[in-house]
Amino acid sequence: MNIQNTIHFLNVKDHSVSQETFELVHDKDLDMLITHPQPSLDKLPSYYESVDYISHTDGNKSLFEKMYQFVKSIALKNKLNLINSESQRGKILDIGAGVGDFLSVAKKDGWEIIGVEPSEKAKAIAKNKGVTFVESLNDLENNSFDVITMWHVLEHVPDLKNQIKELKRLIKPSGTIIIAVPNFNSFDAKYYGSFWAAYDVPIHLWHFSKTAIKKLFAKENLELQKVLPMKFDSFYVSLLSEKYKTGKMNFIKAFFIGLRSNWAARQNMEYSSHIYVLKNTKN
């Protein structure tokens, strides 16, 4: 992605691992933020080495982890209901499958599942849940999936343009792609500014708006059909943002900021995170 036609937006610190500061630049045409500079591919894994990166650890010991797991159980049911409403049961690919909870639930519901996950630690946990993996998207055949999901993963991929091309290659002509990403136009993003946890630099390389998703996927004839809210995300992100800003979780304040964010989004439809449902419209 070319940053030549961008302007400075914000400086953000990596609060989780390195404590380094990165710049976010704004692509006005796409209404998208880009993390700059982006780590080299060989250095990027080191920024994931945080004990707090719960999606790769499956932790369930602290109060925060227990809350996360409780909310995740509700979110998994909602995700399953969504894919079942968009497609008949068939073959599903989850890119960035983490510890495999979503694919495990889908498998129990009758879906044929395949996952892709770069973290060996997370993959080992997922395999114990009956999740099947391939090492690379290159190992998969063209037009072979009814549904492809990326739950908070697209913001992590180094080669965004090629990733979208691969989604186009892998999805069936009538298939559905479901993408979930944070939204930097939300109330909680504006409230916390550089402390907003969902910026999560530098492992979040891209920061999307509804305009960005629509335009990026339209280039591959993938049509945006629905934008759905992820209402729990405002509370989770606000809790982490409070920790980054004050050094404490501040559960009560985070709850009210999350509530305010969802209330504001009822008016402007800019939630903390969105789920985008895209359809393959042309081969």
C-alpha atoms as a PDB file:
ATOM      1  CA  MET A   1       0.000   0.000   0.000  1.00  0.00           C
ATOM      2  CA  ASN A   2       1.469   3.345  -1.074  1.00  0.00           C
ATOM      3  CA  ILE A   3       1.746   5.969   1.686  1.00  0.00           C
ATOM      4  CA  GLN A   4       2.844   8.802  -0.615  1.00  0.00           C
ATOM      5  CA  ASN A   5      -0.653  10.293  -0.860  1.00  0.00           C
ATOM      6  CA  THR A   6      -1.346  10.185   2.865  1.00  0.00           C
ATOM      7  CA  ILE A   7      -1.280  12.720   5.695  1.00  0.00           C
ATOM      8  CA  HIS A   8      -0.278  12.425   9.344  1.00  0.00           C
ATOM      9  CA  PHE A   9      -3.141  11.334  11.589  1.00  0.00           C
ATOM     10  CA  LEU A  10      -1.781  10.284  14.995  1.00  0.00           C
ATOM     11  CA  ASN A  11       1.251   8.917  16.819  1.00  0.00           C
ATOM     12  CA  VAL A  12       0.503   5.751  18.797  1.00  0.00           C
ATOM     13  CA  LYS A  13       2.605   3.757  21.242  1.00  0.00           C
ATOM     14  CA  ASP A  14       2.919  -0.017  21.316  1.00  0.00           C
ATOM     15  CA  HIS A  15       1.648  -0.459  24.877  1.00  0.00           C
ATOM     16  CA  SER A  16       1.806  -4.273  24.844  1.00  0.00           C
ATOM     17  CA  VAL A  17       5.367  -5.240  23.945  1.00  0.00           C
ATOM     18  CA  SER A  18       8.001  -2.836  22.656  1.00  0.00           C
ATOM     19  CA  GLN A  19       6.840   0.584  23.958  1.00  0.00           C
ATOM     20  CA  GLU A  20       7.907   1.960  20.556  1.00  0.00           C
ATOM     21  CA  THR A  21       5.934   4.756  18.902  1.00  0.00           C
ATOM     22  CA  PHE A  22       4.466   4.428  15.403  1.00  0.00           C
ATOM     23  CA  GLU A  23       2.754   6.904  13.137  1.00  0.00           C
ATOM     24  CA  LEU A  24      -0.724   6.431  11.695  1.00  0.00           C
ATOM     25  CA  VAL A  25      -1.163   8.066   8.297  1.00  0.00           C
ATOM     26  CA  HIS A  26      -4.535   8.700   6.673  1.00  0.00           C
ATOM     27  CA  ASP A  27      -5.388   7.676   3.113  1.00  0.00           C
ATOM     28  CA  LYS A  28      -8.208  10.123   2.358  1.00  0.00           C
ATOM     29  CA  ASP A  29      -9.414   8.343  -0.774  1.00  0.00           C
ATOM     30  CA  LEU A  30     -10.019   5.079   1.072  1.00  0.00           C
ATOM     31  CA  ASP A  31     -10.644   6.654   4.496  1.00  0.00           C
ATOM     32  CA  MET A  32      -8.142   4.211   5.963  1.00  0.00           C
ATOM     33  CA  LEU A  33      -5.223   4.535   8.371  1.00  0.00           C
ATOM     34  CA  ILE A  34      -1.868   2.857   7.757  1.00  0.00           C
ATOM     35  CA  THR A  35       0.707   2.062  10.425  1.00  0.00           C
ATOM     36  CA  HIS A  36       4.092   3.557   9.537  1.00  0.00           C
ATOM     37  CA  PRO A  37       6.719   2.266   9.507  1.00  0.00           C
ATOM     38  CA  GLN A  38       5.549  -1.318   9.240  1.00  0.00           C
ATOM     39  CA  PRO A  39       7.838  -3.952  10.804  1.00  0.00           C
ATOM     40  CA  SER A  40       9.776  -6.257   8.518  1.00  0.00           C
ATOM     41  CA  LEU A  41       8.357  -9.750   8.131  1.00  0.00           C
ATOM     42  CA  ASP A  42      11.160 -11.289  10.171  1.00  0.00           C
ATOM     43  CA  LYS A  43      10.658  -8.827  13.052  1.00  0.00           C
ATOM     44  CA  LEU A  44       6.848  -8.765  13.061  1.00  0.00           C
ATOM     45  CA  PRO A  45       6.382 -11.999  15.153  1.00  0.00           C
ATOM     46  CA  SER A  46       8.318 -10.457  18.052  1.00  0.00           C
ATOM     47  CA  TYR A  47       5.561  -7.870  18.514  1.00  0.00           C
ATOM     48  CA  TYR A  48       3.074 -10.661  19.281  1.00  0.00           C
ATOM     49  CA  GLU A  49       5.098 -11.896  22.254  1.00  0.00           C
ATOM     50  CA  SER A  50       2.777 -10.579  24.937  1.00  0.00           C
ATOM     51  CA  VAL A  51       1.303 -12.600  27.811  1.00  0.00           C
ATOM     52  CA  ASP A  52      -1.841 -10.516  27.321  1.00  0.00           C
ATOM     53  CA  TYR A  53      -2.416 -11.741  23.754  1.00  0.00           C
ATOM     54  CA  ILE A  54      -5.303 -13.885  24.904  1.00  0.00           C
ATOM     55  CA  SER A  55      -6.535 -15.023  21.475  1.00  0.00           C
ATOM     56  CA  HIS A  56      -3.342 -17.087  21.222  1.00  0.00           C
ATOM     57  CA  THR A  57      -3.250 -18.363  24.806  1.00  0.00           C
ATOM     58  CA  ASP A  58      -6.838 -19.357  25.660  1.00  0.00           C
ATOM     59  CA  GLY A  59      -6.255 -17.990  29.168  1.00  0.00           C
ATOM     60  CA  ASN A  60      -9.005 -18.370  31.777  1.00  0.00           C
ATOM     61  CA  LYS A  61      -7.395 -17.475  35.121  1.00  0.00           C
ATOM     62  CA  SER A  62      -7.678 -13.735  35.803  1.00  0.00           C
ATOM     63  CA  LEU A  63     -10.981 -11.878  36.147  1.00  0.00           C
ATOM     64  CA  PHE A  64     -10.303 -10.183  32.822  1.00  0.00           C
ATOM     65  CA  GLU A  65      -9.669 -13.532  31.104  1.00  0.00           C
ATOM     66  CA  LYS A  66     -12.831 -15.037  32.616  1.00  0.00           C
ATOM     67  CA  MET A  67     -14.860 -12.079  31.352  1.00  0.00           C
ATOM     68  CA  TYR A  68     -13.259 -12.440  27.938  1.00  0.00           C
ATOM     69  CA  GLN A  69     -14.120 -16.140  27.764  1.00  0.00           C
ATOM     70  CA  PHE A  70     -17.721 -15.491  28.866  1.00  0.00           C
ATOM     71  CA  VAL A  71     -18.243 -12.826  26.209  1.00  0.00           C
ATOM     72  CA  LYS A  72     -16.505 -15.052  23.651  1.00  0.00           C
ATOM     73  CA  SER A  73     -19.013 -17.852  24.275  1.00  0.00           C
ATOM     74  CA  ILE A  74     -21.860 -15.480  23.415  1.00  0.00           C
ATOM     75  CA  ALA A  75     -19.993 -14.116  20.394  1.00  0.00           C
ATOM     76  CA  LEU A  76     -19.401 -17.656  19.080  1.00  0.00           C
ATOM     77  CA  LYS A  77     -23.138 -18.346  19.072  1.00  0.00           C
ATOM     78  CA  ASN A  78     -23.744 -15.083  17.221  1.00  0.00           C
ATOM     79  CA  LYS A  79     -21.059 -15.922  14.642  1.00  0.00           C
ATOM     80  CA  LEU A  80     -22.543 -19.377  14.078  1.00  0.00           C
ATOM     81  CA  ASN A  81     -26.012 -17.896  13.621  1.00  0.00           C
ATOM     82  CA  LEU A  82     -24.588 -15.414  11.125  1.00  0.00           C
ATOM     83  CA  ILE A  83     -22.879 -17.970   8.880  1.00  0.00           C
ATOM     84  CA  ASN A  84     -25.969 -20.183   8.974  1.00  0.00           C
ATOM     85  CA  SER A  85     -28.130 -17.233   7.925  1.00  0.00           C
ATOM     86  CA  GLU A  86     -25.836 -16.434   4.990  1.00  0.00           C
ATOM     87  CA  SER A  87     -25.141 -19.931   3.635  1.00  0.00           C
ATOM     88  CA  GLN A  88     -26.271 -23.528   3.746  1.00  0.00           C
ATOM     89  CA  ARG A  89     -23.844 -25.744   5.630  1.00  0.00           C
ATOM     90  CA  GLY A  90     -20.860 -26.558   3.491  1.00  0.00           C
ATOM     91  CA  LYS A  91     -17.135 -25.879   3.554  1.00  0.00           C
ATOM     92  CA  ILE A  92     -15.767 -23.031   5.642  1.00  0.00           C
ATOM     93  CA  LEU A  93     -12.287 -21.530   5.862  1.00  0.00           C
ATOM     94  CA  ASP A  94     -11.279 -19.454   8.880  1.00  0.00           C
ATOM     95  CA  ILE A  95      -8.127 -17.412   8.292  1.00  0.00           C
ATOM     96  CA  GLY A  96      -6.353 -16.570  11.533  1.00  0.00           C
ATOM     97  CA  ALA A  97      -8.213 -19.291  13.413  1.00  0.00           C
ATOM     98  CA  GLY A  98      -6.372 -18.700  16.697  1.00  0.00           C
ATOM     99  CA  VAL A  99      -7.115 -21.381  19.298  1.00  0.00           C
ATOM    100  CA  GLY A 100      -9.906 -22.770  17.098  1.00  0.00           C
ATOM    101  CA  ASP A 101     -13.049 -22.002  19.087  1.00  0.00           C
ATOM    102  CA  PHE A 102     -15.063 -20.725  16.125  1.00  0.00           C
ATOM    103  CA  LEU A 103     -14.184 -23.648  13.849  1.00  0.00           C
ATOM    104  CA  SER A 104     -14.846 -26.103  16.669  1.00  0.00           C
ATOM    105  CA  VAL A 105     -18.357 -24.706  17.101  1.00  0.00           C
ATOM    106  CA  ALA A 106     -18.934 -24.732  13.328  1.00  0.00           C
ATOM    107  CA  LYS A 107     -17.757 -28.342  13.069  1.00  0.00           C
ATOM    108  CA  LYS A 108     -20.207 -29.452  15.760  1.00  0.00           C
ATOM    109  CA  ASP A 109     -22.938 -27.726  13.777  1.00  0.00           C
ATOM    110  CA  GLY A 110     -22.203 -29.733  10.628  1.00  0.00           C
ATOM    111  CA  TRP A 111     -19.729 -27.547   8.735  1.00  0.00           C
ATOM    112  CA  GLU A 112     -16.654 -28.949   7.002  1.00  0.00           C
ATOM    113  CA  ILE A 113     -13.854 -26.879   8.473  1.00  0.00           C
ATOM    114  CA  ILE A 114     -10.353 -25.749   7.512  1.00  0.00           C
ATOM    115  CA  GLY A 115      -8.199 -23.243   9.381  1.00  0.00           C
ATOM    116  CA  VAL A 116      -5.071 -21.210   8.718  1.00  0.00           C
ATOM    117  CA  GLU A 117      -3.063 -19.918  11.683  1.00  0.00           C
ATOM    118  CA  PRO A 118       0.563 -18.734  11.835  1.00  0.00           C
ATOM    119  CA  SER A 119       0.980 -19.186  15.605  1.00  0.00           C
ATOM    120  CA  GLU A 120       2.175 -22.714  16.403  1.00  0.00           C
ATOM    121  CA  LYS A 121       1.158 -22.246  20.040  1.00  0.00           C
ATOM    122  CA  ALA A 122      -2.418 -21.330  19.141  1.00  0.00           C
ATOM    123  CA  LYS A 123      -2.576 -24.057  16.490  1.00  0.00           C
ATOM    124  CA  ALA A 124      -1.560 -26.741  18.990  1.00  0.00           C
ATOM    125  CA  ILE A 125      -4.445 -25.725  21.265  1.00  0.00           C
ATOM    126  CA  ALA A 126      -6.864 -25.723  18.329  1.00  0.00           C
ATOM    127  CA  LYS A 127      -5.813 -29.182  17.115  1.00  0.00           C
ATOM    128  CA  ASN A 128      -6.807 -30.588  20.509  1.00  0.00           C
ATOM    129  CA  LYS A 129     -10.303 -29.262  19.767  1.00  0.00           C
ATOM    130  CA  GLY A 130     -10.487 -31.203  16.500  1.00  0.00           C
ATOM    131  CA  VAL A 131      -9.604 -28.329  14.177  1.00  0.00           C
ATOM    132  CA  THR A 132      -7.877 -29.159  10.864  1.00  0.00           C
ATOM    133  CA  PHE A 133      -5.271 -26.793   9.403  1.00  0.00           C
ATOM    134  CA  VAL A 134      -3.392 -26.171   6.195  1.00  0.00           C
ATOM    135  CA  GLU A 135       0.006 -24.494   6.286  1.00  0.00           C
ATOM    136  CA  SER A 136      -0.703 -21.986   3.530  1.00  0.00           C
ATOM    137  CA  LEU A 137      -3.566 -20.643   1.424  1.00  0.00           C
ATOM    138  CA  ASN A 138      -1.497 -21.770  -1.567  1.00  0.00           C
ATOM    139  CA  ASP A 139      -2.376 -25.362  -0.606  1.00  0.00           C
ATOM    140  CA  LEU A 140      -6.074 -24.721  -1.260  1.00  0.00           C
ATOM    141  CA  GLU A 141      -7.946 -25.071  -4.556  1.00  0.00           C
ATOM    142  CA  ASN A 142      -9.722 -22.279  -6.411  1.00  0.00           C
ATOM    143  CA  ASN A 143     -13.420 -21.664  -5.687  1.00  0.00           C
ATOM    144  CA  SER A 144     -13.516 -24.288  -2.936  1.00  0.00           C
ATOM    145  CA  PHE A 145     -15.280 -22.578  -0.005  1.00  0.00           C
ATOM    146  CA  ASP A 146     -18.878 -21.630   0.677  1.00  0.00           C
ATOM    147  CA  VAL A 147     -17.842 -19.247   3.463  1.00  0.00           C
ATOM    148  CA  ILE A 148     -14.528 -17.619   4.376  1.00  0.00           C
ATOM    149  CA  THR A 149     -14.164 -15.797   7.680  1.00  0.00           C
ATOM    150  CA  MET A 150     -11.539 -13.470   9.106  1.00  0.00           C
ATOM    151  CA  TRP A 151     -12.418 -12.441  12.666  1.00  0.00           C
ATOM    152  CA  HIS A 152     -10.170  -9.482  13.546  1.00  0.00           C
ATOM    153  CA  VAL A 153      -7.444 -10.731  11.231  1.00  0.00           C
ATOM    154  CA  LEU A 154      -7.452  -8.545   8.094  1.00  0.00           C
ATOM    155  CA  GLU A 155      -5.803  -5.707  10.019  1.00  0.00           C
ATOM    156  CA  HIS A 156      -2.817  -8.023  10.683  1.00  0.00           C
ATOM    157  CA  VAL A 157      -1.946  -9.206   7.165  1.00  0.00           C
ATOM    158  CA  PRO A 158       1.213  -7.658   5.644  1.00  0.00           C
ATOM    159  CA  ASP A 159       0.114  -7.867   1.999  1.00  0.00           C
ATOM    160  CA  LEU A 160      -3.441  -6.530   2.044  1.00  0.00           C
ATOM    161  CA  LYS A 161      -3.933  -6.390  -1.730  1.00  0.00           C
ATOM    162  CA  ASN A 162      -2.792  -9.974  -2.250  1.00  0.00           C
ATOM    163  CA  GLN A 163      -4.889 -11.192   0.699  1.00  0.00           C
ATOM    164  CA  ILE A 164      -8.074  -9.866  -0.893  1.00  0.00           C
ATOM    165  CA  LYS A 165      -7.086 -11.438  -4.215  1.00  0.00           C
ATOM    166  CA  GLU A 166      -6.666 -14.783  -2.419  1.00  0.00           C
ATOM    167  CA  LEU A 167     -10.118 -14.469  -0.853  1.00  0.00           C
ATOM    168  CA  LYS A 168     -11.520 -13.931  -4.339  1.00  0.00           C
ATOM    169  CA  ARG A 169      -9.643 -16.976  -5.649  1.00  0.00           C
ATOM    170  CA  LEU A 170     -10.810 -19.295  -2.886  1.00  0.00           C
ATOM    171  CA  ILE A 171     -14.481 -18.363  -2.541  1.00  0.00           C
ATOM    172  CA  LYS A 172     -17.132 -20.131  -4.604  1.00  0.00           C
ATOM    173  CA  PRO A 173     -19.026 -18.056  -7.208  1.00  0.00           C
ATOM    174  CA  SER A 174     -22.005 -17.783  -4.863  1.00  0.00           C
ATOM    175  CA  GLY A 175     -19.942 -17.740  -1.673  1.00  0.00           C
ATOM    176  CA  THR A 176     -19.850 -15.392   1.302  1.00  0.00           C
ATOM    177  CA  ILE A 177     -16.869 -13.649   2.900  1.00  0.00           C
ATOM    178  CA  ILE A 178     -17.217 -12.354   6.453  1.00  0.00           C
ATOM    179  CA  ILE A 179     -14.688  -9.840   7.763  1.00  0.00           C
ATOM    180  CA  ALA A 180     -14.577  -8.359  11.282  1.00  0.00           C
ATOM    181  CA  VAL A 181     -12.293  -5.388  11.994  1.00  0.00           C
ATOM    182  CA  PRO A 182     -12.099  -2.423  14.409  1.00  0.00           C
ATOM    183  CA  ASN A 183     -13.505   0.922  13.334  1.00  0.00           C
ATOM    184  CA  PHE A 184     -11.368   4.015  13.973  1.00  0.00           C
ATOM    185  CA  ASN A 185     -14.406   6.248  13.334  1.00  0.00           C
ATOM    186  CA  SER A 186     -16.148   4.992  16.484  1.00  0.00           C
ATOM    187  CA  PHE A 187     -16.819   7.074  19.584  1.00  0.00           C
ATOM    188  CA  ASP A 188     -14.429   5.054  21.761  1.00  0.00           C
ATOM    189  CA  ALA A 189     -11.635   5.502  19.192  1.00  0.00           C
ATOM    190  CA  LYS A 190     -12.096   9.281  19.236  1.00  0.00           C
ATOM    191  CA  TYR A 191     -12.472   9.374  23.027  1.00  0.00           C
ATOM    192  CA  TYR A 192      -9.255   7.478  23.789  1.00  0.00           C
ATOM    193  CA  GLY A 193      -7.194   8.848  20.892  1.00  0.00           C
ATOM    194  CA  SER A 194      -3.634   7.511  20.995  1.00  0.00           C
ATOM    195  CA  PHE A 195      -4.584   5.219  23.906  1.00  0.00           C
ATOM    196  CA  TRP A 196      -7.304   3.421  21.920  1.00  0.00           C
ATOM    197  CA  ALA A 197      -6.382  -0.240  22.332  1.00  0.00           C
ATOM    198  CA  ALA A 198      -7.702  -1.316  18.927  1.00  0.00           C
ATOM    199  CA  TYR A 199      -4.977   0.648  17.151  1.00  0.00           C
ATOM    200  CA  ASP A 200      -2.679  -2.054  18.593  1.00  0.00           C
ATOM    201  CA  VAL A 201       0.395  -0.949  16.665  1.00  0.00           C
ATOM    202  CA  PRO A 202       2.405  -2.337  15.046  1.00  0.00           C
ATOM    203  CA  ILE A 203       0.617  -5.699  14.746  1.00  0.00           C
ATOM    204  CA  HIS A 204      -2.417  -3.857  13.366  1.00  0.00           C
ATOM    205  CA  LEU A 205      -0.972  -2.693  10.079  1.00  0.00           C
ATOM    206  CA  TRP A 206      -4.228  -1.304   8.653  1.00  0.00           C
ATOM    207  CA  HIS A 207      -7.161   0.528  10.251  1.00  0.00           C
ATOM    208  CA  PHE A 208     -10.414   0.377   8.321  1.00  0.00           C
ATOM    209  CA  SER A 209     -13.588   2.350   7.807  1.00  0.00           C
ATOM    210  CA  LYS A 210     -16.747   1.221   6.033  1.00  0.00           C
ATOM    211  CA  THR A 211     -15.622   3.168   2.955  1.00  0.00           C
ATOM    212  CA  ALA A 212     -12.254   1.407   2.933  1.00  0.00           C
ATOM    213  CA  ILE A 213     -13.743  -2.087   3.101  1.00  0.00           C
ATOM    214  CA  LYS A 214     -16.258  -1.336   0.358  1.00  0.00           C
ATOM    215  CA  LYS A 215     -13.672   0.138  -2.024  1.00  0.00           C
ATOM    216  CA  LEU A 216     -10.903  -2.403  -1.387  1.00  0.00           C
ATOM    217  CA  PHE A 217     -13.128  -5.426  -1.967  1.00  0.00           C
ATOM    218  CA  ALA A 218     -14.982  -3.873  -4.920  1.00  0.00           C
ATOM    219  CA  LYS A 219     -11.672  -3.977  -6.817  1.00  0.00           C
ATOM    220  CA  GLU A 220     -12.053  -7.794  -6.834  1.00  0.00           C
ATOM    221  CA  ASN A 221     -15.795  -7.713  -7.575  1.00  0.00           C
ATOM    222  CA  LEU A 222     -16.628  -8.630  -3.993  1.00  0.00           C
ATOM    223  CA  GLU A 223     -19.739  -6.687  -3.060  1.00  0.00           C
ATOM    224  CA  LEU A 224     -20.380  -5.337   0.427  1.00  0.00           C
ATOM    225  CA  GLN A 225     -23.943  -6.299   1.324  1.00  0.00           C
ATOM    226  CA  LYS A 226     -24.225  -5.868   5.097  1.00  0.00           C
ATOM    227  CA  VAL A 227     -22.458  -4.036   7.907  1.00  0.00           C
ATOM    228  CA  LEU A 228     -23.243  -5.429  11.354  1.00  0.00           C
ATOM    229  CA  PRO A 229     -22.212  -4.121  14.802  1.00  0.00           C
ATOM    230  CA  MET A 230     -19.979  -5.900  17.308  1.00  0.00           C
ATOM    231  CA  LYS A 231     -21.420  -4.277  20.414  1.00  0.00           C
ATOM    232  CA  PHE A 232     -19.296  -6.145  22.952  1.00  0.00           C
ATOM    233  CA  ASP A 233     -16.098  -4.777  21.416  1.00  0.00           C
ATOM    234  CA  SER A 234     -16.620  -1.254  22.741  1.00  0.00           C
ATOM    235  CA  PHE A 235     -16.509  -2.559  26.330  1.00  0.00           C
ATOM    236  CA  TYR A 236     -13.492  -4.828  25.786  1.00  0.00           C
ATOM    237  CA  VAL A 237     -11.532  -2.165  23.927  1.00  0.00           C
ATOM    238  CA  SER A 238     -12.450   0.536  26.453  1.00  0.00           C
ATOM    239  CA  LEU A 239     -11.220  -1.676  29.288  1.00  0.00           C
ATOM    240  CA  LEU A 240      -7.818  -2.147  27.639  1.00  0.00           C
ATOM    241  CA  SER A 241      -7.707   1.533  26.673  1.00  0.00           C
ATOM    242  CA  GLU A 242      -8.239   2.521  30.309  1.00  0.00           C
ATOM    243  CA  LYS A 243      -5.319   0.284  31.264  1.00  0.00           C
ATOM    244  CA  TYR A 244      -3.079   1.930  28.672  1.00  0.00           C
ATOM    245  CA  LYS A 245      -4.186   5.439  29.664  1.00  0.00           C
ATOM    246  CA  THR A 246      -4.222   5.173  33.464  1.00  0.00           C
ATOM    247  CA  GLY A 247      -2.385   1.959  34.322  1.00  0.00           C
ATOM    248  CA  LYS A 248      -5.598   0.497  35.762  1.00  0.00           C
ATOM    249  CA  MET A 249      -8.514  -1.426  34.250  1.00  0.00           C
ATOM    250  CA  ASN A 250     -11.178   0.979  35.631  1.00  0.00           C
ATOM    251  CA  PHE A 251     -14.034  -1.445  34.966  1.00  0.00           C
ATOM    252  CA  ILE A 252     -16.815   1.017  35.798  1.00  0.00           C
ATOM    253  CA  LYS A 253     -15.526   3.870  33.652  1.00  0.00           C
ATOM    254  CA  ALA A 254     -14.745   1.499  30.776  1.00  0.00           C
ATOM    255  CA  PHE A 255     -18.276   0.128  30.961  1.00  0.00           C
ATOM    256  CA  PHE A 256     -19.788   3.594  30.659  1.00  0.00           C
ATOM    257  CA  ILE A 257     -17.480   4.602  27.795  1.00  0.00           C
ATOM    258  CA  GLY A 258     -18.433   1.379  25.999  1.00  0.00           C
ATOM    259  CA  LEU A 259     -22.079   2.178  26.632  1.00  0.00           C
ATOM    260  CA  ARG A 260     -21.665   5.731  25.318  1.00  0.00           C
ATOM    261  CA  SER A 261     -19.939   4.391  22.218  1.00  0.00           C
ATOM    262  CA  ASN A 262     -22.782   2.004  21.428  1.00  0.00           C
ATOM    263  CA  TRP A 263     -25.345   4.740  22.126  1.00  0.00           C
ATOM    264  CA  ALA A 264     -23.570   7.136  19.755  1.00  0.00           C
ATOM    265  CA  ALA A 265     -23.408   4.396  17.131  1.00  0.00           C
ATOM    266  CA  ARG A 266     -27.192   4.069  17.198  1.00  0.00           C
ATOM    267  CA  GLN A 267     -27.211   7.494  15.568  1.00  0.00           C
ATOM    268  CA  ASN A 268     -24.213   7.391  13.211  1.00  0.00           C
ATOM    269  CA  MET A 269     -23.792   3.597  12.782  1.00  0.00           C
ATOM    270  CA  GLU A 270     -20.095   3.806  13.690  1.00  0.00           C
ATOM    271  CA  TYR A 271     -19.570   0.977  16.194  1.00  0.00           C
ATOM    272  CA  SER A 272     -16.266   0.064  17.840  1.00  0.00           C
ATOM    273  CA  SER A 273     -15.963  -2.901  15.458  1.00  0.00           C
ATOM    274  CA  HIS A 274     -17.990  -4.007  12.456  1.00  0.00           C
ATOM    275  CA  ILE A 275     -18.712  -7.274  10.727  1.00  0.00           C
ATOM    276  CA  TYR A 276     -18.769  -6.954   6.937  1.00  0.00           C
ATOM    277  CA  VAL A 277     -20.691  -9.484   4.856  1.00  0.00           C
ATOM    278  CA  LEU A 278     -19.453  -9.613   1.267  1.00  0.00           C
ATOM    279  CA  LYS A 279     -20.694 -11.664  -1.684  1.00  0.00           C
ATOM    280  CA  ASN A 280     -18.844 -12.890  -4.736  1.00  0.00           C
ATOM    281  CA  THR A 281     -20.634 -11.114  -7.579  1.00  0.00           C
ATOM    282  CA  LYS A 282     -18.481 -11.848 -10.623  1.00  0.00           C
ATOM    283  CA  ASN A 283     -15.773 -14.330 -11.609  1.00  0.00           C
END
